[in-house]
């Protein structure tokens, strides 16, 4: 995961992966930070922590 701040906007780049079931099985994740992760981006000298899950709903 890559993070930057530009014009006071946090930009997050994260690689996509093949859809796979989420922990609950209700959705299919396509990208995840795998929990809260500290980034190299800092605000007031402290790292910004990101927890990210991108998902799709499976067809029914």
PDB file of N, CA and C in Angstrom:
ATOM      1  N   UNK A   1       0.854  -1.168   0.000  1.00  0.00           N
ATOM      2  CA  UNK A   1       0.000   0.000   0.000  1.00  0.00           C
ATOM      3  C   UNK A   1       0.897   1.227   0.000  1.00  0.00           C
ATOM      4  N   UNK A   2       0.588   2.168  -0.865  1.00  0.00           N
ATOM      5  CA  UNK A   2       1.340   3.414  -0.955  1.00  0.00           C
ATOM      6  C   UNK A   2       0.403   4.565  -0.624  1.00  0.00           C
ATOM      7  N   UNK A   3       0.848   5.458   0.234  1.00  0.00           N
ATOM      8  CA  UNK A   3       0.032   6.615   0.605  1.00  0.00           C
ATOM      9  C   UNK A   3       0.829   7.894   0.408  1.00  0.00           C
ATOM     10  N   UNK A   4       0.135   8.922  -0.044  1.00  0.00           N
ATOM     11  CA  UNK A   4       0.728  10.248  -0.189  1.00  0.00           C
ATOM     12  C   UNK A   4      -0.352  11.278   0.129  1.00  0.00           C
ATOM     13  N   UNK A   5       0.097  12.493   0.415  1.00  0.00           N
ATOM     14  CA  UNK A   5      -0.823  13.617   0.582  1.00  0.00           C
ATOM     15  C   UNK A   5      -0.483  14.641  -0.484  1.00  0.00           C
ATOM     16  N   UNK A   6      -1.501  15.057  -1.232  1.00  0.00           N
ATOM     17  CA  UNK A   6      -1.326  16.082  -2.254  1.00  0.00           C
ATOM     18  C   UNK A   6      -2.514  17.015  -2.179  1.00  0.00           C
ATOM     19  N   UNK A   7      -2.245  18.294  -2.066  1.00  0.00           N
ATOM     20  CA  UNK A   7      -3.307  19.313  -1.969  1.00  0.00           C
ATOM     21  C   UNK A   7      -4.292  18.982  -0.854  1.00  0.00           C
ATOM     22  N   UNK A   8      -3.757  18.542   0.290  1.00  0.00           N
ATOM     23  CA  UNK A   8      -4.543  18.221   1.477  1.00  0.00           C
ATOM     24  C   UNK A   8      -5.533  17.071   1.251  1.00  0.00           C
ATOM     25  N   UNK A   9      -5.179  16.162   0.326  1.00  0.00           N
ATOM     26  CA  UNK A   9      -5.988  14.967   0.057  1.00  0.00           C
ATOM     27  C   UNK A   9      -5.097  13.746   0.243  1.00  0.00           C
ATOM     28  N   UNK A  10      -5.574  12.764   1.006  1.00  0.00           N
ATOM     29  CA  UNK A  10      -4.849  11.514   1.201  1.00  0.00           C
ATOM     30  C   UNK A  10      -5.116  10.605   0.010  1.00  0.00           C
ATOM     31  N   UNK A  11      -4.047  10.179  -0.657  1.00  0.00           N
ATOM     32  CA  UNK A  11      -4.152   9.264  -1.795  1.00  0.00           C
ATOM     33  C   UNK A  11      -3.626   7.903  -1.364  1.00  0.00           C
ATOM     34  N   UNK A  12      -4.407   6.871  -1.630  1.00  0.00           N
ATOM     35  CA  UNK A  12      -4.037   5.508  -1.250  1.00  0.00           C
ATOM     36  C   UNK A  12      -3.978   4.662  -2.517  1.00  0.00           C
ATOM     37  N   UNK A  13      -2.851   3.997  -2.724  1.00  0.00           N
ATOM     38  CA  UNK A  13      -2.712   3.046  -3.821  1.00  0.00           C
ATOM     39  C   UNK A  13      -2.534   1.670  -3.199  1.00  0.00           C
ATOM     40  N   UNK A  14      -3.356   0.720  -3.633  1.00  0.00           N
ATOM     41  CA  UNK A  14      -3.285  -0.628  -3.099  1.00  0.00           C
ATOM     42  C   UNK A  14      -3.521  -1.603  -4.250  1.00  0.00           C
ATOM     43  N   UNK A  15      -2.710  -2.645  -4.342  1.00  0.00           N
ATOM     44  CA  UNK A  15      -2.906  -3.578  -5.457  1.00  0.00           C
ATOM     45  C   UNK A  15      -4.197  -4.365  -5.322  1.00  0.00           C
ATOM     46  N   UNK A  16      -4.833  -4.604  -6.455  1.00  0.00           N
ATOM     47  CA  UNK A  16      -6.031  -5.445  -6.496  1.00  0.00           C
ATOM     48  C   UNK A  16      -5.609  -6.908  -6.571  1.00  0.00           C
ATOM     49  N   UNK A  17      -6.452  -7.781  -6.046  1.00  0.00           N
ATOM     50  CA  UNK A  17      -6.206  -9.212  -6.167  1.00  0.00           C
ATOM     51  C   UNK A  17      -7.465  -9.896  -6.671  1.00  0.00           C
ATOM     52  N   UNK A  18      -7.347 -11.143  -7.029  1.00  0.00           N
ATOM     53  CA  UNK A  18      -8.499 -11.923  -7.475  1.00  0.00           C
ATOM     54  C   UNK A  18      -9.540 -11.935  -6.360  1.00  0.00           C
ATOM     55  N   UNK A  19     -10.811 -11.738  -6.681  1.00  0.00           N
ATOM     56  CA  UNK A  19     -11.841 -11.748  -5.633  1.00  0.00           C
ATOM     57  C   UNK A  19     -11.782 -13.027  -4.800  1.00  0.00           C
ATOM     58  N   UNK A  20     -11.834 -12.846  -3.479  1.00  0.00           N
ATOM     59  CA  UNK A  20     -11.844 -13.987  -2.564  1.00  0.00           C
ATOM     60  C   UNK A  20     -12.800 -13.694  -1.421  1.00  0.00           C
ATOM     61  N   UNK A  21     -13.365 -14.721  -0.820  1.00  0.00           N
ATOM     62  CA  UNK A  21     -14.362 -14.506   0.231  1.00  0.00           C
ATOM     63  C   UNK A  21     -13.804 -13.716   1.413  1.00  0.00           C
ATOM     64  N   UNK A  22     -14.640 -12.819   1.926  1.00  0.00           N
ATOM     65  CA  UNK A  22     -14.285 -12.078   3.143  1.00  0.00           C
ATOM     66  C   UNK A  22     -14.385 -13.025   4.333  1.00  0.00           C
ATOM     67  N   UNK A  23     -13.993 -12.543   5.499  1.00  0.00           N
ATOM     68  CA  UNK A  23     -14.051 -13.372   6.710  1.00  0.00           C
ATOM     69  C   UNK A  23     -15.470 -13.844   6.998  1.00  0.00           C
ATOM     70  N   UNK A  24     -16.461 -12.975   6.746  1.00  0.00           N
ATOM     71  CA  UNK A  24     -17.858 -13.354   7.005  1.00  0.00           C
ATOM     72  C   UNK A  24     -18.444 -14.197   5.878  1.00  0.00           C
ATOM     73  N   UNK A  25     -17.814 -14.130   4.701  1.00  0.00           N
ATOM     74  CA  UNK A  25     -18.327 -14.855   3.546  1.00  0.00           C
ATOM     75  C   UNK A  25     -19.441 -14.139   2.812  1.00  0.00           C
ATOM     76  N   UNK A  26     -19.810 -12.942   3.256  1.00  0.00           N
ATOM     77  CA  UNK A  26     -20.918 -12.211   2.640  1.00  0.00           C
ATOM     78  C   UNK A  26     -20.479 -11.430   1.393  1.00  0.00           C
ATOM     79  N   UNK A  27     -19.195 -11.110   1.299  1.00  0.00           N
ATOM     80  CA  UNK A  27     -18.683 -10.338   0.173  1.00  0.00           C
ATOM     81  C   UNK A  27     -17.405 -10.984  -0.337  1.00  0.00           C
ATOM     82  N   UNK A  28     -16.922 -10.463  -1.463  1.00  0.00           N
ATOM     83  CA  UNK A  28     -15.655 -10.909  -2.034  1.00  0.00           C
ATOM     84  C   UNK A  28     -14.688  -9.732  -1.995  1.00  0.00           C
ATOM     85  N   UNK A  29     -13.589  -9.860  -1.281  1.00  0.00           N
ATOM     86  CA  UNK A  29     -12.624  -8.769  -1.208  1.00  0.00           C
ATOM     87  C   UNK A  29     -11.783  -8.736  -2.481  1.00  0.00           C
ATOM     88  N   UNK A  30     -11.446  -7.528  -2.918  1.00  0.00           N
ATOM     89  CA  UNK A  30     -10.594  -7.346  -4.094  1.00  0.00           C
ATOM     90  C   UNK A  30      -9.316  -6.582  -3.750  1.00  0.00           C
ATOM     91  N   UNK A  31      -9.258  -6.027  -2.539  1.00  0.00           N
ATOM     92  CA  UNK A  31      -8.059  -5.352  -2.045  1.00  0.00           C
ATOM     93  C   UNK A  31      -8.202  -5.193  -0.533  1.00  0.00           C
ATOM     94  N   UNK A  32      -7.095  -5.312   0.183  1.00  0.00           N
ATOM     95  CA  UNK A  32      -7.157  -5.169   1.635  1.00  0.00           C
ATOM     96  C   UNK A  32      -5.801  -4.762   2.187  1.00  0.00           C
ATOM     97  N   UNK A  33      -5.842  -3.950   3.234  1.00  0.00           N
ATOM     98  CA  UNK A  33      -4.618  -3.613   3.961  1.00  0.00           C
ATOM     99  C   UNK A  33      -4.317  -4.677   5.013  1.00  0.00           C
ATOM    100  N   UNK A  34      -5.229  -5.643   5.164  1.00  0.00           N
ATOM    101  CA  UNK A  34      -5.081  -6.707   6.175  1.00  0.00           C
ATOM    102  C   UNK A  34      -4.974  -6.133   7.577  1.00  0.00           C
ATOM    103  N   UNK A  35      -5.948  -5.321   7.926  1.00  0.00           N
ATOM    104  CA  UNK A  35      -5.971  -4.689   9.245  1.00  0.00           C
ATOM    105  C   UNK A  35      -5.450  -3.272   9.181  1.00  0.00           C
ATOM    106  N   UNK A  36      -5.399  -2.625  10.322  1.00  0.00           N
ATOM    107  CA  UNK A  36      -4.922  -1.240  10.398  1.00  0.00           C
ATOM    108  C   UNK A  36      -3.407  -1.224  10.264  1.00  0.00           C
ATOM    109  N   UNK A  37      -2.908  -0.431   9.308  1.00  0.00           N
ATOM    110  CA  UNK A  37      -1.480  -0.381   9.020  1.00  0.00           C
ATOM    111  C   UNK A  37      -0.978   1.057   9.117  1.00  0.00           C
ATOM    112  N   UNK A  38       0.112   1.276   9.847  1.00  0.00           N
ATOM    113  CA  UNK A  38       0.717   2.616   9.837  1.00  0.00           C
ATOM    114  C   UNK A  38       1.334   2.880   8.468  1.00  0.00           C
ATOM    115  N   UNK A  39       1.250   4.117   8.010  1.00  0.00           N
ATOM    116  CA  UNK A  39       1.806   4.492   6.708  1.00  0.00           C
ATOM    117  C   UNK A  39       3.000   5.417   6.913  1.00  0.00           C
ATOM    118  N   UNK A  40       3.661   5.733   5.814  1.00  0.00           N
ATOM    119  CA  UNK A  40       4.787   6.668   5.884  1.00  0.00           C
ATOM    120  C   UNK A  40       4.311   8.115   5.920  1.00  0.00           C
ATOM    121  N   UNK A  41       3.032   8.344   5.611  1.00  0.00           N
ATOM    122  CA  UNK A  41       2.460   9.693   5.659  1.00  0.00           C
ATOM    123  C   UNK A  41       2.316  10.097   7.118  1.00  0.00           C
ATOM    124  N   UNK A  42       2.725  11.322   7.421  1.00  0.00           N
ATOM    125  CA  UNK A  42       2.630  11.806   8.800  1.00  0.00           C
ATOM    126  C   UNK A  42       1.852  13.114   8.865  1.00  0.00           C
ATOM    127  N   UNK A  43       1.097  13.250   9.933  1.00  0.00           N
ATOM    128  CA  UNK A  43       0.406  14.496  10.245  1.00  0.00           C
ATOM    129  C   UNK A  43       0.788  14.849  11.676  1.00  0.00           C
ATOM    130  N   UNK A  44       1.261  16.067  11.861  1.00  0.00           N
ATOM    131  CA  UNK A  44       1.771  16.511  13.168  1.00  0.00           C
ATOM    132  C   UNK A  44       2.824  15.543  13.704  1.00  0.00           C
ATOM    133  N   UNK A  45       3.634  14.979  12.794  1.00  0.00           N
ATOM    134  CA  UNK A  45       4.718  14.083  13.179  1.00  0.00           C
ATOM    135  C   UNK A  45       4.291  12.661  13.498  1.00  0.00           C
ATOM    136  N   UNK A  46       2.997  12.358  13.364  1.00  0.00           N
ATOM    137  CA  UNK A  46       2.493  11.021  13.683  1.00  0.00           C
ATOM    138  C   UNK A  46       2.044  10.308  12.415  1.00  0.00           C
ATOM    139  N   UNK A  47       2.333   9.004  12.312  1.00  0.00           N
ATOM    140  CA  UNK A  47       1.938   8.277  11.107  1.00  0.00           C
ATOM    141  C   UNK A  47       0.421   8.138  10.996  1.00  0.00           C
ATOM    142  N   UNK A  48      -0.067   8.299   9.774  1.00  0.00           N
ATOM    143  CA  UNK A  48      -1.478   8.066   9.498  1.00  0.00           C
ATOM    144  C   UNK A  48      -1.676   6.554   9.422  1.00  0.00           C
ATOM    145  N   UNK A  49      -2.688   6.048  10.098  1.00  0.00           N
ATOM    146  CA  UNK A  49      -2.981   4.615  10.109  1.00  0.00           C
ATOM    147  C   UNK A  49      -4.200   4.376   9.236  1.00  0.00           C
ATOM    148  N   UNK A  50      -4.087   3.390   8.333  1.00  0.00           N
ATOM    149  CA  UNK A  50      -5.162   3.102   7.381  1.00  0.00           C
ATOM    150  C   UNK A  50      -5.604   1.656   7.537  1.00  0.00           C
ATOM    151  N   UNK A  51      -6.915   1.454   7.590  1.00  0.00           N
ATOM    152  CA  UNK A  51      -7.523   0.136   7.508  1.00  0.00           C
ATOM    153  C   UNK A  51      -8.454   0.146   6.310  1.00  0.00           C
ATOM    154  N   UNK A  52      -8.150  -0.657   5.304  1.00  0.00           N
ATOM    155  CA  UNK A  52      -8.883  -0.562   4.051  1.00  0.00           C
ATOM    156  C   UNK A  52      -9.326  -1.937   3.570  1.00  0.00           C
ATOM    157  N   UNK A  53     -10.577  -2.031   3.175  1.00  0.00           N
ATOM    158  CA  UNK A  53     -11.117  -3.212   2.517  1.00  0.00           C
ATOM    159  C   UNK A  53     -11.943  -2.746   1.331  1.00  0.00           C
ATOM    160  N   UNK A  54     -11.613  -3.261   0.153  1.00  0.00           N
ATOM    161  CA  UNK A  54     -12.409  -3.007  -1.040  1.00  0.00           C
ATOM    162  C   UNK A  54     -13.046  -4.326  -1.434  1.00  0.00           C
ATOM    163  N   UNK A  55     -14.342  -4.292  -1.746  1.00  0.00           N
ATOM    164  CA  UNK A  55     -15.028  -5.556  -1.986  1.00  0.00           C
ATOM    165  C   UNK A  55     -16.118  -5.405  -3.031  1.00  0.00           C
ATOM    166  N   UNK A  56     -16.586  -6.543  -3.492  1.00  0.00           N
ATOM    167  CA  UNK A  56     -17.740  -6.606  -4.372  1.00  0.00           C
ATOM    168  C   UNK A  56     -18.753  -7.554  -3.741  1.00  0.00           C
ATOM    169  N   UNK A  57     -20.014  -7.365  -4.101  1.00  0.00           N
ATOM    170  CA  UNK A  57     -21.053  -8.284  -3.619  1.00  0.00           C
ATOM    171  C   UNK A  57     -21.200  -9.389  -4.658  1.00  0.00           C
ATOM    172  N   UNK A  58     -21.181 -10.630  -4.211  1.00  0.00           N
ATOM    173  CA  UNK A  58     -21.322 -11.717  -5.181  1.00  0.00           C
ATOM    174  C   UNK A  58     -22.725 -11.732  -5.797  1.00  0.00           C
ATOM    175  N   UNK A  59     -22.795 -12.224  -7.020  1.00  0.00           N
ATOM    176  CA  UNK A  59     -24.106 -12.338  -7.682  1.00  0.00           C
ATOM    177  C   UNK A  59     -24.919 -13.392  -6.958  1.00  0.00           C
ATOM    178  N   UNK A  60     -26.211 -13.166  -6.889  1.00  0.00           N
ATOM    179  CA  UNK A  60     -27.081 -14.135  -6.196  1.00  0.00           C
ATOM    180  C   UNK A  60     -27.961 -14.846  -7.180  1.00  0.00           C
TER     181      UNK A  60
END
